[in-house]
Amino acid sequence: MKNWSRSSLVWGPKLKLYKRLIKSVLRKEKVKGIINLQFIDDEKMRQLNKQFRGKDKPTDVLSFNMDEDGIVGDLAISREMAGRNAKRFGVTYKQEIKRLVIHGALHLCGYDHGPKMRGRENVYQKMRCG
């Protein structure tokens, strides 16, 4: 996914934790390459969701397969949607972000929604994230 503005991204130590989680998922799933992770706001997520899925509303996570030059794909996570999800599911913001990172990474590893993906999500949820 290209043309995301730097102002819409989150940088720093927390991002490093989630990038380590992504590397662990890729290693355990035997997928070579990297996944780019970006945190964006609801407005940018709405635009991407409309452009790529035809849905004019924000969503929590989008994954974009690249499969080129060592890049597995890109993940975009809405910070605001993650906050709302955390309240709705009764979990911490950090737990919800972790769930979304895992969910998106598994999509980029070839998983579709269903029992097999949920099983893998449960395995990775038990991993320490920092």
Protein backbone atom coordinates (compact mmCIF):
# COMPACT_ATOMS: atom_id res chain seq x y z
CA MET A 1 0.00 0.00 0.00
CA LYS A 2 1.59 3.20 -1.06
CA ASN A 3 0.96 6.91 -0.49
CA TRP A 4 0.16 6.74 3.23
CA SER A 5 1.19 10.00 4.82
CA ARG A 6 3.75 9.94 7.59
CA SER A 7 1.42 12.01 9.78
CA SER A 8 -1.05 9.14 9.91
CA LEU A 9 1.48 6.64 11.25
CA VAL A 10 2.50 5.67 14.76
CA TRP A 11 6.21 5.13 15.38
CA GLY A 12 8.23 4.10 18.40
CA PRO A 13 8.68 1.24 20.85
CA LYS A 14 5.11 -0.09 20.66
CA LEU A 15 5.36 -0.46 16.90
CA LYS A 16 8.55 -2.50 17.41
CA LEU A 17 6.66 -4.91 19.70
CA TYR A 18 4.06 -5.60 17.04
CA LYS A 19 6.67 -5.95 14.32
CA ARG A 20 8.35 -8.62 16.45
CA LEU A 21 4.99 -10.36 16.79
CA ILE A 22 4.58 -10.28 13.00
CA LYS A 23 8.05 -11.78 12.55
CA SER A 24 7.13 -14.59 14.95
CA VAL A 25 3.90 -15.32 13.06
CA LEU A 26 5.74 -15.35 9.72
CA ARG A 27 8.45 -17.65 11.08
CA LYS A 28 5.96 -20.11 12.59
CA GLU A 29 3.83 -20.06 9.43
CA LYS A 30 7.00 -20.60 7.34
CA VAL A 31 6.38 -17.48 5.27
CA LYS A 32 9.46 -15.58 4.12
CA GLY A 33 9.49 -11.81 3.80
CA ILE A 34 8.24 -8.80 5.72
CA ILE A 35 4.88 -7.27 6.50
CA ASN A 36 4.66 -3.49 6.67
CA LEU A 37 2.50 -2.34 9.59
CA GLN A 38 0.84 1.04 9.69
CA PHE A 39 -1.58 2.57 12.16
CA ILE A 40 -3.99 5.04 10.59
CA ASP A 41 -7.07 7.02 11.59
CA ASP A 42 -10.69 6.18 10.76
CA GLU A 43 -10.86 8.64 7.87
CA LYS A 44 -7.87 7.13 6.08
CA MET A 45 -9.24 3.63 6.81
CA ARG A 46 -12.62 4.62 5.36
CA GLN A 47 -10.90 5.85 2.20
CA LEU A 48 -8.90 2.63 1.81
CA ASN A 49 -11.93 0.45 2.55
CA LYS A 50 -13.94 2.31 -0.08
CA GLN A 51 -11.14 2.20 -2.64
CA PHE A 52 -10.25 -1.47 -2.24
CA ARG A 53 -13.43 -3.12 -0.96
CA GLY A 54 -16.18 -0.77 -2.11
CA LYS A 55 -17.35 -0.16 1.48
CA ASP A 56 -17.68 3.49 2.47
CA LYS A 57 -16.98 3.02 6.18
CA PRO A 58 -13.93 2.41 8.34
CA THR A 59 -12.98 -1.09 9.38
CA ASP A 60 -10.52 -2.29 12.01
CA VAL A 61 -7.84 -3.94 9.84
CA LEU A 62 -7.08 -4.26 6.16
CA SER A 63 -4.43 -6.49 4.64
CA PHE A 64 -2.91 -6.01 1.21
CA ASN A 65 -1.00 -8.89 -0.36
CA MET A 66 2.11 -7.76 -2.19
CA ASP A 67 4.16 -10.95 -2.60
CA GLU A 68 7.00 -9.11 -4.32
CA ASP A 69 10.59 -8.17 -3.55
CA GLY A 70 10.52 -9.89 -0.15
CA ILE A 71 7.37 -8.06 0.95
CA VAL A 72 4.51 -10.33 1.97
CA GLY A 73 2.13 -7.39 2.24
CA ASP A 74 0.90 -4.37 4.13
CA LEU A 75 -1.35 -4.16 7.18
CA ALA A 76 -3.36 -1.07 8.04
CA ILE A 77 -5.01 -0.85 11.46
CA SER A 78 -7.41 1.88 12.53
CA ARG A 79 -6.37 3.18 15.95
CA GLU A 80 -9.86 4.57 16.59
CA MET A 81 -11.67 1.40 15.57
CA ALA A 82 -9.29 -0.63 17.73
CA GLY A 83 -10.22 1.56 20.70
CA ARG A 84 -13.94 1.04 20.09
CA ASN A 85 -13.43 -2.69 19.64
CA ALA A 86 -11.48 -2.92 22.89
CA LYS A 87 -14.39 -1.34 24.80
CA ARG A 88 -16.95 -3.53 23.01
CA PHE A 89 -14.99 -6.75 23.67
CA GLY A 90 -13.96 -5.79 27.23
CA VAL A 91 -10.22 -6.01 26.55
CA THR A 92 -7.37 -3.54 26.74
CA TYR A 93 -6.37 -1.44 23.75
CA LYS A 94 -3.04 -3.31 23.61
CA GLN A 95 -4.84 -6.68 23.55
CA GLU A 96 -7.09 -5.53 20.70
CA ILE A 97 -4.17 -4.19 18.67
CA LYS A 98 -2.40 -7.52 19.17
CA ARG A 99 -5.52 -9.37 17.96
CA LEU A 100 -5.74 -7.18 14.86
CA VAL A 101 -2.04 -7.58 14.05
CA ILE A 102 -2.34 -11.36 14.31
CA HIS A 103 -5.57 -11.43 12.31
CA GLY A 104 -4.12 -9.33 9.50
CA ALA A 105 -0.82 -11.22 9.44
CA LEU A 106 -2.67 -14.53 9.13
CA HIS A 107 -4.65 -13.19 6.18
CA LEU A 108 -1.34 -12.30 4.53
CA CYS A 109 -0.14 -15.85 5.26
CA GLY A 110 -3.06 -17.19 3.25
CA TYR A 111 -5.72 -17.83 5.89
CA ASP A 112 -9.40 -17.06 5.34
CA HIS A 113 -11.98 -16.57 8.08
CA GLY A 114 -12.98 -19.85 9.65
CA PRO A 115 -12.08 -22.44 12.28
CA LYS A 116 -8.51 -22.97 11.07
CA MET A 117 -7.75 -19.24 11.24
CA ARG A 118 -9.40 -18.90 14.66
CA GLY A 119 -7.28 -21.78 15.94
CA ARG A 120 -4.08 -20.10 14.73
CA GLU A 121 -5.22 -16.77 16.21
CA ASN A 122 -5.69 -18.48 19.58
CA VAL A 123 -2.15 -19.90 19.42
CA TYR A 124 -0.61 -16.51 18.66
CA GLN A 125 -2.74 -14.68 21.25
CA LYS A 126 -0.87 -16.67 23.90
CA MET A 127 2.49 -15.35 22.74
CA ARG A 128 4.06 -12.54 24.71
CA CYS A 129 4.12 -9.25 22.87
CA GLY A 130 6.41 -7.35 25.15
